[in-house]
């Protein structure tokens, strides 16, 4: 259960009335590609979100398990226009076509918020992506959206997650935790360099595997925000979420749902969920 969504709501008693008056958030989940159990994860994510947040999740899924998965929705220039937020959970490392990438990125530059999960950080990359890029590099369009450049990961081991931005609305009140075996994504610009290269991005949580501190190897950021483009579109990102058991973990879904609510402007500065945006289904539990 997503206790934090309830605990950080200003007036639980008023939610039932206001939820009836508030339209559900229209969420698009784009999911599929290489190396993950996306066939099951599409439903874990959709159910996890709809059971916690007053929302309707539309799934755009492909069973194409390659690194070049094709999503029909991206053929439309207005593909994101009718949604309040898009969740990117693609693993599309070898889609390098500039026209396709521009069409995806432009929707968010124009103002549609995004939530980027796990392998989305390793998608839509081209050029020498394993070397530090400048934000003005032609190949950096996707990294500019994310606010970070990531190109690889280490072994699957438990990750100790530490929330460092304690007063940020997304993580306010959340407790540090340790995942099951998960992939810790390594970031090209190092532990802090990402946030010097993209100052619009702000770290929320760091993850660490094993003993000792090897920044960039066993110690890396695992959740952060970005403000993208002239509209300062809100972007929430987490590299966690490789395995089904992690996605089913309430602590993970708390983070994702609160990130989604923040991206949509439905958390106030104190981390309170705005009235009407806690799922009616959750209220009945």
C-alpha atoms as a PDB file:
ATOM      1  CA  UNK A   1       0.000   0.000   0.000  1.00  0.00           C
ATOM      2  CA  UNK A   2       1.180   3.492  -0.774  1.00  0.00           C
ATOM      3  CA  UNK A   3       1.002   4.852   2.763  1.00  0.00           C
ATOM      4  CA  UNK A   4       2.958   8.005   1.966  1.00  0.00           C
ATOM      5  CA  UNK A   5       0.350   9.144  -0.536  1.00  0.00           C
ATOM      6  CA  UNK A   6      -2.218   9.060   2.251  1.00  0.00           C
ATOM      7  CA  UNK A   7       0.008  10.333   5.050  1.00  0.00           C
ATOM      8  CA  UNK A   8       1.139  13.307   3.004  1.00  0.00           C
ATOM      9  CA  UNK A   9      -2.348  14.362   1.959  1.00  0.00           C
ATOM     10  CA  UNK A  10      -3.669  17.421   3.702  1.00  0.00           C
ATOM     11  CA  UNK A  11      -7.207  16.212   4.359  1.00  0.00           C
ATOM     12  CA  UNK A  12      -8.011  12.550   3.821  1.00  0.00           C
ATOM     13  CA  UNK A  13     -11.658  13.102   4.684  1.00  0.00           C
ATOM     14  CA  UNK A  14     -12.070  15.487   1.771  1.00  0.00           C
ATOM     15  CA  UNK A  15     -10.514  13.175  -0.794  1.00  0.00           C
ATOM     16  CA  UNK A  16     -13.572  11.043  -1.517  1.00  0.00           C
ATOM     17  CA  UNK A  17     -15.627  14.070  -2.451  1.00  0.00           C
ATOM     18  CA  UNK A  18     -12.919  15.791  -4.460  1.00  0.00           C
ATOM     19  CA  UNK A  19     -11.860  12.644  -6.331  1.00  0.00           C
ATOM     20  CA  UNK A  20     -15.322  12.482  -7.862  1.00  0.00           C
ATOM     21  CA  UNK A  21     -14.817  15.982  -9.239  1.00  0.00           C
ATOM     22  CA  UNK A  22     -11.252  15.563 -10.521  1.00  0.00           C
ATOM     23  CA  UNK A  23     -10.508  13.985 -13.891  1.00  0.00           C
ATOM     24  CA  UNK A  24      -8.045  11.085 -13.657  1.00  0.00           C
ATOM     25  CA  UNK A  25      -4.541  11.815 -14.857  1.00  0.00           C
ATOM     26  CA  UNK A  26      -4.106  10.526 -18.394  1.00  0.00           C
ATOM     27  CA  UNK A  27      -0.916   8.466 -18.321  1.00  0.00           C
ATOM     28  CA  UNK A  28       0.777   6.935 -21.367  1.00  0.00           C
ATOM     29  CA  UNK A  29       3.114   4.025 -20.606  1.00  0.00           C
ATOM     30  CA  UNK A  30       5.479   3.258 -23.501  1.00  0.00           C
ATOM     31  CA  UNK A  31       7.136  -0.065 -22.740  1.00  0.00           C
ATOM     32  CA  UNK A  32       9.074  -2.778 -24.550  1.00  0.00           C
ATOM     33  CA  UNK A  33      12.392  -3.710 -26.063  1.00  0.00           C
ATOM     34  CA  UNK A  34      15.448  -5.629 -25.046  1.00  0.00           C
ATOM     35  CA  UNK A  35      16.439  -7.530 -21.986  1.00  0.00           C
ATOM     36  CA  UNK A  36      13.478  -7.225 -19.568  1.00  0.00           C
ATOM     37  CA  UNK A  37      10.180  -8.934 -18.737  1.00  0.00           C
ATOM     38  CA  UNK A  38       8.149  -6.129 -20.254  1.00  0.00           C
ATOM     39  CA  UNK A  39       5.257  -8.475 -21.039  1.00  0.00           C
ATOM     40  CA  UNK A  40       4.564  -8.703 -17.306  1.00  0.00           C
ATOM     41  CA  UNK A  41       6.003  -5.374 -16.202  1.00  0.00           C
ATOM     42  CA  UNK A  42       3.515  -3.403 -18.298  1.00  0.00           C
ATOM     43  CA  UNK A  43       0.715  -4.693 -16.067  1.00  0.00           C
ATOM     44  CA  UNK A  44       2.667  -4.417 -12.812  1.00  0.00           C
ATOM     45  CA  UNK A  45       3.299  -0.744 -13.501  1.00  0.00           C
ATOM     46  CA  UNK A  46      -0.190   0.079 -14.767  1.00  0.00           C
ATOM     47  CA  UNK A  47      -1.870  -1.655 -11.829  1.00  0.00           C
ATOM     48  CA  UNK A  48       0.601  -0.203  -9.347  1.00  0.00           C
ATOM     49  CA  UNK A  49      -0.078   3.329 -10.546  1.00  0.00           C
ATOM     50  CA  UNK A  50      -3.852   3.112 -10.996  1.00  0.00           C
ATOM     51  CA  UNK A  51      -4.305   1.519  -7.570  1.00  0.00           C
ATOM     52  CA  UNK A  52      -2.488   4.427  -5.915  1.00  0.00           C
ATOM     53  CA  UNK A  53      -2.993   7.489  -8.110  1.00  0.00           C
ATOM     54  CA  UNK A  54      -6.304   8.723  -9.548  1.00  0.00           C
ATOM     55  CA  UNK A  55      -5.291   7.942 -13.117  1.00  0.00           C
ATOM     56  CA  UNK A  56      -5.968   6.021 -16.292  1.00  0.00           C
ATOM     57  CA  UNK A  57      -2.917   4.299 -17.766  1.00  0.00           C
ATOM     58  CA  UNK A  58      -2.855   3.651 -21.513  1.00  0.00           C
ATOM     59  CA  UNK A  59      -0.253   1.053 -22.476  1.00  0.00           C
ATOM     60  CA  UNK A  60       1.768   1.257 -25.694  1.00  0.00           C
ATOM     61  CA  UNK A  61       3.579  -2.109 -25.649  1.00  0.00           C
ATOM     62  CA  UNK A  62       5.646  -3.949 -28.207  1.00  0.00           C
ATOM     63  CA  UNK A  63       6.716  -7.570 -27.917  1.00  0.00           C
ATOM     64  CA  UNK A  64       9.755  -6.725 -30.053  1.00  0.00           C
ATOM     65  CA  UNK A  65      12.599  -7.765 -27.749  1.00  0.00           C
ATOM     66  CA  UNK A  66      15.371  -6.210 -29.814  1.00  0.00           C
ATOM     67  CA  UNK A  67      17.374  -3.072 -29.103  1.00  0.00           C
ATOM     68  CA  UNK A  68      15.395  -1.400 -31.915  1.00  0.00           C
ATOM     69  CA  UNK A  69      11.795  -1.876 -30.762  1.00  0.00           C
ATOM     70  CA  UNK A  70       9.222  -0.143 -32.902  1.00  0.00           C
ATOM     71  CA  UNK A  71       6.331   1.773 -31.341  1.00  0.00           C
ATOM     72  CA  UNK A  72       3.538   2.725 -33.729  1.00  0.00           C
ATOM     73  CA  UNK A  73       2.555   5.731 -31.632  1.00  0.00           C
ATOM     74  CA  UNK A  74       5.830   7.494 -32.456  1.00  0.00           C
ATOM     75  CA  UNK A  75       4.812   7.720 -36.112  1.00  0.00           C
ATOM     76  CA  UNK A  76       2.419  10.507 -35.128  1.00  0.00           C
ATOM     77  CA  UNK A  77       3.800  14.009 -34.594  1.00  0.00           C
ATOM     78  CA  UNK A  78       1.135  14.657 -31.931  1.00  0.00           C
ATOM     79  CA  UNK A  79       1.680  11.318 -30.220  1.00  0.00           C
ATOM     80  CA  UNK A  80       1.724  12.713 -26.650  1.00  0.00           C
ATOM     81  CA  UNK A  81      -0.723  15.578 -26.999  1.00  0.00           C
ATOM     82  CA  UNK A  82      -3.719  14.008 -25.233  1.00  0.00           C
ATOM     83  CA  UNK A  83      -1.774  12.761 -22.198  1.00  0.00           C
ATOM     84  CA  UNK A  84      -0.908  14.474 -18.934  1.00  0.00           C
ATOM     85  CA  UNK A  85       2.350  12.534 -18.580  1.00  0.00           C
ATOM     86  CA  UNK A  86       4.351   9.907 -20.454  1.00  0.00           C
ATOM     87  CA  UNK A  87       6.207   7.062 -18.764  1.00  0.00           C
ATOM     88  CA  UNK A  88       9.162   5.893 -20.843  1.00  0.00           C
ATOM     89  CA  UNK A  89      10.096   2.302 -20.023  1.00  0.00           C
ATOM     90  CA  UNK A  90      11.690   1.393 -23.334  1.00  0.00           C
ATOM     91  CA  UNK A  91      14.976  -0.436 -23.784  1.00  0.00           C
ATOM     92  CA  UNK A  92      15.887   0.934 -27.194  1.00  0.00           C
ATOM     93  CA  UNK A  93      19.649   1.402 -27.165  1.00  0.00           C
ATOM     94  CA  UNK A  94      20.102   1.144 -30.918  1.00  0.00           C
ATOM     95  CA  UNK A  95      17.379   3.471 -32.145  1.00  0.00           C
ATOM     96  CA  UNK A  96      19.553   6.262 -33.493  1.00  0.00           C
ATOM     97  CA  UNK A  97      17.321   7.794 -36.171  1.00  0.00           C
ATOM     98  CA  UNK A  98      17.414  11.553 -35.568  1.00  0.00           C
ATOM     99  CA  UNK A  99      13.867  12.116 -36.863  1.00  0.00           C
ATOM    100  CA  UNK A 100      12.423   9.547 -34.457  1.00  0.00           C
ATOM    101  CA  UNK A 101      14.377  10.893 -31.496  1.00  0.00           C
ATOM    102  CA  UNK A 102      13.384  14.479 -32.336  1.00  0.00           C
ATOM    103  CA  UNK A 103       9.716  13.485 -32.461  1.00  0.00           C
ATOM    104  CA  UNK A 104       9.933  11.874 -29.021  1.00  0.00           C
ATOM    105  CA  UNK A 105      11.966  14.623 -27.385  1.00  0.00           C
ATOM    106  CA  UNK A 106       9.989  17.491 -28.913  1.00  0.00           C
ATOM    107  CA  UNK A 107       6.776  16.375 -27.208  1.00  0.00           C
ATOM    108  CA  UNK A 108       8.457  16.922 -23.859  1.00  0.00           C
ATOM    109  CA  UNK A 109      10.200  20.115 -24.916  1.00  0.00           C
ATOM    110  CA  UNK A 110       6.732  21.407 -25.784  1.00  0.00           C
ATOM    111  CA  UNK A 111       5.526  20.718 -22.254  1.00  0.00           C
ATOM    112  CA  UNK A 112       4.372  17.113 -21.729  1.00  0.00           C
ATOM    113  CA  UNK A 113       5.960  15.823 -18.484  1.00  0.00           C
ATOM    114  CA  UNK A 114       7.874  12.543 -18.455  1.00  0.00           C
ATOM    115  CA  UNK A 115       8.738   9.754 -16.052  1.00  0.00           C
ATOM    116  CA  UNK A 116      11.748   7.734 -17.218  1.00  0.00           C
ATOM    117  CA  UNK A 117      12.368   4.284 -15.780  1.00  0.00           C
ATOM    118  CA  UNK A 118      15.445   2.061 -15.775  1.00  0.00           C
ATOM    119  CA  UNK A 119      16.523   1.215 -19.350  1.00  0.00           C
ATOM    120  CA  UNK A 120      14.981   4.408 -20.694  1.00  0.00           C
ATOM    121  CA  UNK A 121      18.299   5.905 -19.585  1.00  0.00           C
ATOM    122  CA  UNK A 122      20.088   3.664 -22.096  1.00  0.00           C
ATOM    123  CA  UNK A 123      17.753   4.363 -25.004  1.00  0.00           C
ATOM    124  CA  UNK A 124      17.977   6.661 -28.023  1.00  0.00           C
ATOM    125  CA  UNK A 125      21.731   7.076 -27.769  1.00  0.00           C
ATOM    126  CA  UNK A 126      24.102   7.552 -30.675  1.00  0.00           C
ATOM    127  CA  UNK A 127      27.575   8.792 -31.418  1.00  0.00           C
ATOM    128  CA  UNK A 128      30.320   8.079 -28.909  1.00  0.00           C
ATOM    129  CA  UNK A 129      27.862   7.823 -26.027  1.00  0.00           C
ATOM    130  CA  UNK A 130      30.387   6.204 -23.673  1.00  0.00           C
ATOM    131  CA  UNK A 131      32.428   9.407 -23.630  1.00  0.00           C
ATOM    132  CA  UNK A 132      31.278  12.630 -21.935  1.00  0.00           C
ATOM    133  CA  UNK A 133      29.108  14.735 -24.221  1.00  0.00           C
ATOM    134  CA  UNK A 134      28.354  18.418 -24.145  1.00  0.00           C
ATOM    135  CA  UNK A 135      24.650  19.309 -23.975  1.00  0.00           C
ATOM    136  CA  UNK A 136      24.948  21.037 -27.349  1.00  0.00           C
ATOM    137  CA  UNK A 137      26.208  17.871 -29.085  1.00  0.00           C
ATOM    138  CA  UNK A 138      23.764  16.637 -31.773  1.00  0.00           C
ATOM    139  CA  UNK A 139      23.739  13.190 -30.130  1.00  0.00           C
ATOM    140  CA  UNK A 140      22.881  14.560 -26.677  1.00  0.00           C
ATOM    141  CA  UNK A 141      19.174  15.217 -27.289  1.00  0.00           C
ATOM    142  CA  UNK A 142      17.939  12.345 -25.136  1.00  0.00           C
ATOM    143  CA  UNK A 143      20.512  13.050 -22.424  1.00  0.00           C
ATOM    144  CA  UNK A 144      19.315  16.667 -22.345  1.00  0.00           C
ATOM    145  CA  UNK A 145      15.805  15.399 -21.637  1.00  0.00           C
ATOM    146  CA  UNK A 146      17.046  13.099 -18.871  1.00  0.00           C
ATOM    147  CA  UNK A 147      19.513  15.574 -17.394  1.00  0.00           C
ATOM    148  CA  UNK A 148      22.149  12.844 -17.216  1.00  0.00           C
ATOM    149  CA  UNK A 149      24.291  10.675 -19.478  1.00  0.00           C
ATOM    150  CA  UNK A 150      24.371   6.959 -18.655  1.00  0.00           C
ATOM    151  CA  UNK A 151      25.839   4.192 -20.781  1.00  0.00           C
ATOM    152  CA  UNK A 152      26.245   1.011 -18.747  1.00  0.00           C
ATOM    153  CA  UNK A 153      25.676  -0.896 -15.539  1.00  0.00           C
ATOM    154  CA  UNK A 154      27.404  -3.347 -13.259  1.00  0.00           C
ATOM    155  CA  UNK A 155      26.286  -6.709 -11.868  1.00  0.00           C
ATOM    156  CA  UNK A 156      22.949  -7.425 -10.270  1.00  0.00           C
ATOM    157  CA  UNK A 157      23.397  -7.015  -6.533  1.00  0.00           C
ATOM    158  CA  UNK A 158      21.319  -5.348  -3.802  1.00  0.00           C
ATOM    159  CA  UNK A 159      21.411  -1.550  -3.916  1.00  0.00           C
ATOM    160  CA  UNK A 160      21.253   0.482  -0.714  1.00  0.00           C
ATOM    161  CA  UNK A 161      19.122   3.510  -1.628  1.00  0.00           C
ATOM    162  CA  UNK A 162      19.730   6.718   0.320  1.00  0.00           C
ATOM    163  CA  UNK A 163      17.454   9.724  -0.153  1.00  0.00           C
ATOM    164  CA  UNK A 164      19.643  12.818  -0.045  1.00  0.00           C
ATOM    165  CA  UNK A 165      17.208  15.598  -1.015  1.00  0.00           C
ATOM    166  CA  UNK A 166      15.149  15.119   2.145  1.00  0.00           C
ATOM    167  CA  UNK A 167      13.025  18.245   1.630  1.00  0.00           C
ATOM    168  CA  UNK A 168      12.127  17.632  -2.013  1.00  0.00           C
ATOM    169  CA  UNK A 169       8.375  17.022  -2.419  1.00  0.00           C
ATOM    170  CA  UNK A 170       8.930  13.649  -4.114  1.00  0.00           C
ATOM    171  CA  UNK A 171      10.978  12.051  -1.350  1.00  0.00           C
ATOM    172  CA  UNK A 172       9.789  14.007   1.668  1.00  0.00           C
ATOM    173  CA  UNK A 173       8.940  11.411   4.310  1.00  0.00           C
ATOM    174  CA  UNK A 174      10.278   8.422   2.368  1.00  0.00           C
ATOM    175  CA  UNK A 175      12.705   6.078   4.135  1.00  0.00           C
ATOM    176  CA  UNK A 176      15.996   4.722   2.843  1.00  0.00           C
ATOM    177  CA  UNK A 177      15.791   1.092   1.741  1.00  0.00           C
ATOM    178  CA  UNK A 178      17.696  -1.736   0.101  1.00  0.00           C
ATOM    179  CA  UNK A 179      16.572  -3.418  -3.108  1.00  0.00           C
ATOM    180  CA  UNK A 180      16.839  -7.054  -4.081  1.00  0.00           C
ATOM    181  CA  UNK A 181      19.438  -7.793  -6.766  1.00  0.00           C
ATOM    182  CA  UNK A 182      19.292  -4.841  -9.145  1.00  0.00           C
ATOM    183  CA  UNK A 183      21.476  -3.156 -11.757  1.00  0.00           C
ATOM    184  CA  UNK A 184      23.293  -0.017 -10.633  1.00  0.00           C
ATOM    185  CA  UNK A 185      23.568   2.257 -13.646  1.00  0.00           C
ATOM    186  CA  UNK A 186      26.939   3.932 -14.120  1.00  0.00           C
ATOM    187  CA  UNK A 187      26.984   7.490 -15.390  1.00  0.00           C
ATOM    188  CA  UNK A 188      29.533   8.879 -17.813  1.00  0.00           C
ATOM    189  CA  UNK A 189      30.130  12.213 -16.092  1.00  0.00           C
ATOM    190  CA  UNK A 190      30.722  10.624 -12.699  1.00  0.00           C
ATOM    191  CA  UNK A 191      28.998  10.980  -9.361  1.00  0.00           C
ATOM    192  CA  UNK A 192      28.540  14.760  -9.412  1.00  0.00           C
ATOM    193  CA  UNK A 193      29.679  15.716 -12.908  1.00  0.00           C
ATOM    194  CA  UNK A 194      26.257  15.012 -14.397  1.00  0.00           C
ATOM    195  CA  UNK A 195      24.758  17.811 -12.361  1.00  0.00           C
ATOM    196  CA  UNK A 196      27.463  20.255 -13.388  1.00  0.00           C
ATOM    197  CA  UNK A 197      26.922  19.396 -17.045  1.00  0.00           C
ATOM    198  CA  UNK A 198      23.126  19.583 -16.648  1.00  0.00           C
ATOM    199  CA  UNK A 199      22.527  22.087 -13.813  1.00  0.00           C
ATOM    200  CA  UNK A 200      18.766  21.895 -14.374  1.00  0.00           C
ATOM    201  CA  UNK A 201      18.896  18.336 -13.000  1.00  0.00           C
ATOM    202  CA  UNK A 202      18.787  17.697  -9.251  1.00  0.00           C
ATOM    203  CA  UNK A 203      19.681  14.431  -7.485  1.00  0.00           C
ATOM    204  CA  UNK A 204      17.133  12.853  -5.153  1.00  0.00           C
ATOM    205  CA  UNK A 205      18.729   9.544  -4.177  1.00  0.00           C
ATOM    206  CA  UNK A 206      21.998   7.670  -4.494  1.00  0.00           C
ATOM    207  CA  UNK A 207      22.541   3.933  -4.600  1.00  0.00           C
ATOM    208  CA  UNK A 208      25.482   1.877  -3.413  1.00  0.00           C
ATOM    209  CA  UNK A 209      26.444  -1.765  -3.882  1.00  0.00           C
ATOM    210  CA  UNK A 210      28.926  -3.704  -1.725  1.00  0.00           C
ATOM    211  CA  UNK A 211      31.413  -2.377   0.807  1.00  0.00           C
ATOM    212  CA  UNK A 212      33.765   0.504   0.098  1.00  0.00           C
ATOM    213  CA  UNK A 213      33.018   3.623  -1.860  1.00  0.00           C
ATOM    214  CA  UNK A 214      33.936   3.660  -5.540  1.00  0.00           C
ATOM    215  CA  UNK A 215      32.098   6.637  -7.030  1.00  0.00           C
ATOM    216  CA  UNK A 216      30.873   5.854 -10.512  1.00  0.00           C
ATOM    217  CA  UNK A 217      31.419   2.121 -10.018  1.00  0.00           C
ATOM    218  CA  UNK A 218      29.486   0.946  -6.973  1.00  0.00           C
ATOM    219  CA  UNK A 219      28.052   4.348  -6.022  1.00  0.00           C
ATOM    220  CA  UNK A 220      25.794   6.349  -8.346  1.00  0.00           C
ATOM    221  CA  UNK A 221      22.681   8.499  -8.460  1.00  0.00           C
ATOM    222  CA  UNK A 222      19.523   6.381  -8.834  1.00  0.00           C
ATOM    223  CA  UNK A 223      16.760   9.025  -8.804  1.00  0.00           C
ATOM    224  CA  UNK A 224      16.726  12.657  -9.929  1.00  0.00           C
ATOM    225  CA  UNK A 225      14.594  15.359 -11.503  1.00  0.00           C
ATOM    226  CA  UNK A 226      15.149  17.623 -14.467  1.00  0.00           C
ATOM    227  CA  UNK A 227      13.527  20.723 -15.923  1.00  0.00           C
ATOM    228  CA  UNK A 228      13.724  20.443 -19.681  1.00  0.00           C
ATOM    229  CA  UNK A 229      13.472  22.980 -22.464  1.00  0.00           C
ATOM    230  CA  UNK A 230      12.044  26.501 -22.601  1.00  0.00           C
ATOM    231  CA  UNK A 231       8.900  25.432 -20.728  1.00  0.00           C
ATOM    232  CA  UNK A 232      10.962  23.845 -17.944  1.00  0.00           C
ATOM    233  CA  UNK A 233       8.996  20.642 -18.412  1.00  0.00           C
ATOM    234  CA  UNK A 234       9.180  18.478 -15.320  1.00  0.00           C
ATOM    235  CA  UNK A 235      11.029  15.195 -15.763  1.00  0.00           C
ATOM    236  CA  UNK A 236      11.379  12.479 -13.103  1.00  0.00           C
ATOM    237  CA  UNK A 237      13.902   9.662 -13.529  1.00  0.00           C
ATOM    238  CA  UNK A 238      14.950   6.517 -11.703  1.00  0.00           C
ATOM    239  CA  UNK A 239      17.380   3.866 -12.902  1.00  0.00           C
ATOM    240  CA  UNK A 240      15.852   1.292 -10.549  1.00  0.00           C
ATOM    241  CA  UNK A 241      13.354  -1.256 -11.827  1.00  0.00           C
ATOM    242  CA  UNK A 242      15.064  -4.107 -13.685  1.00  0.00           C
ATOM    243  CA  UNK A 243      13.325  -6.982 -11.940  1.00  0.00           C
ATOM    244  CA  UNK A 244       9.632  -7.704 -11.450  1.00  0.00           C
ATOM    245  CA  UNK A 245      10.044  -8.088  -7.697  1.00  0.00           C
ATOM    246  CA  UNK A 246      11.443  -4.562  -7.459  1.00  0.00           C
ATOM    247  CA  UNK A 247       8.501  -3.142  -9.396  1.00  0.00           C
ATOM    248  CA  UNK A 248       6.121  -4.978  -7.062  1.00  0.00           C
ATOM    249  CA  UNK A 249       7.870  -3.498  -4.016  1.00  0.00           C
ATOM    250  CA  UNK A 250       5.726  -0.791  -2.436  1.00  0.00           C
ATOM    251  CA  UNK A 251       8.815   1.309  -1.724  1.00  0.00           C
ATOM    252  CA  UNK A 252       9.599   1.408  -5.433  1.00  0.00           C
ATOM    253  CA  UNK A 253       6.018   2.236  -6.385  1.00  0.00           C
ATOM    254  CA  UNK A 254       5.942   4.997  -3.772  1.00  0.00           C
ATOM    255  CA  UNK A 255       8.913   6.615  -5.465  1.00  0.00           C
ATOM    256  CA  UNK A 256       7.511   6.205  -8.982  1.00  0.00           C
ATOM    257  CA  UNK A 257       4.013   7.427  -8.108  1.00  0.00           C
ATOM    258  CA  UNK A 258       5.247  10.434  -6.188  1.00  0.00           C
ATOM    259  CA  UNK A 259       7.619  11.240  -9.049  1.00  0.00           C
ATOM    260  CA  UNK A 260       4.702  11.052 -11.468  1.00  0.00           C
ATOM    261  CA  UNK A 261       2.530  13.282  -9.278  1.00  0.00           C
ATOM    262  CA  UNK A 262       5.340  15.831  -8.979  1.00  0.00           C
ATOM    263  CA  UNK A 263       5.918  15.827 -12.747  1.00  0.00           C
ATOM    264  CA  UNK A 264       2.209  16.591 -13.230  1.00  0.00           C
ATOM    265  CA  UNK A 265       2.221  19.341 -10.606  1.00  0.00           C
ATOM    266  CA  UNK A 266       0.058  17.356  -8.194  1.00  0.00           C
ATOM    267  CA  UNK A 267       2.370  17.546  -5.172  1.00  0.00           C
ATOM    268  CA  UNK A 268       2.668  20.798  -3.263  1.00  0.00           C
ATOM    269  CA  UNK A 269       5.961  22.141  -1.918  1.00  0.00           C
ATOM    270  CA  UNK A 270       5.490  20.213   1.321  1.00  0.00           C
ATOM    271  CA  UNK A 271       5.023  16.932  -0.521  1.00  0.00           C
ATOM    272  CA  UNK A 272       1.261  16.863   0.033  1.00  0.00           C
ATOM    273  CA  UNK A 273      -0.788  15.146  -2.670  1.00  0.00           C
ATOM    274  CA  UNK A 274      -3.315  17.601  -4.031  1.00  0.00           C
ATOM    275  CA  UNK A 275      -6.955  16.712  -3.284  1.00  0.00           C
ATOM    276  CA  UNK A 276      -8.517  14.228  -5.673  1.00  0.00           C
ATOM    277  CA  UNK A 277      -5.351  12.525  -6.884  1.00  0.00           C
ATOM    278  CA  UNK A 278      -5.248   9.565  -4.516  1.00  0.00           C
ATOM    279  CA  UNK A 279      -6.978   6.633  -6.215  1.00  0.00           C
ATOM    280  CA  UNK A 280     -10.531   5.899  -5.085  1.00  0.00           C
ATOM    281  CA  UNK A 281      -9.499   2.247  -5.034  1.00  0.00           C
ATOM    282  CA  UNK A 282      -6.795   3.033  -2.524  1.00  0.00           C
ATOM    283  CA  UNK A 283      -9.177   5.034  -0.357  1.00  0.00           C
ATOM    284  CA  UNK A 284     -11.375   1.932   0.011  1.00  0.00           C
ATOM    285  CA  UNK A 285      -8.517  -0.220   1.334  1.00  0.00           C
END
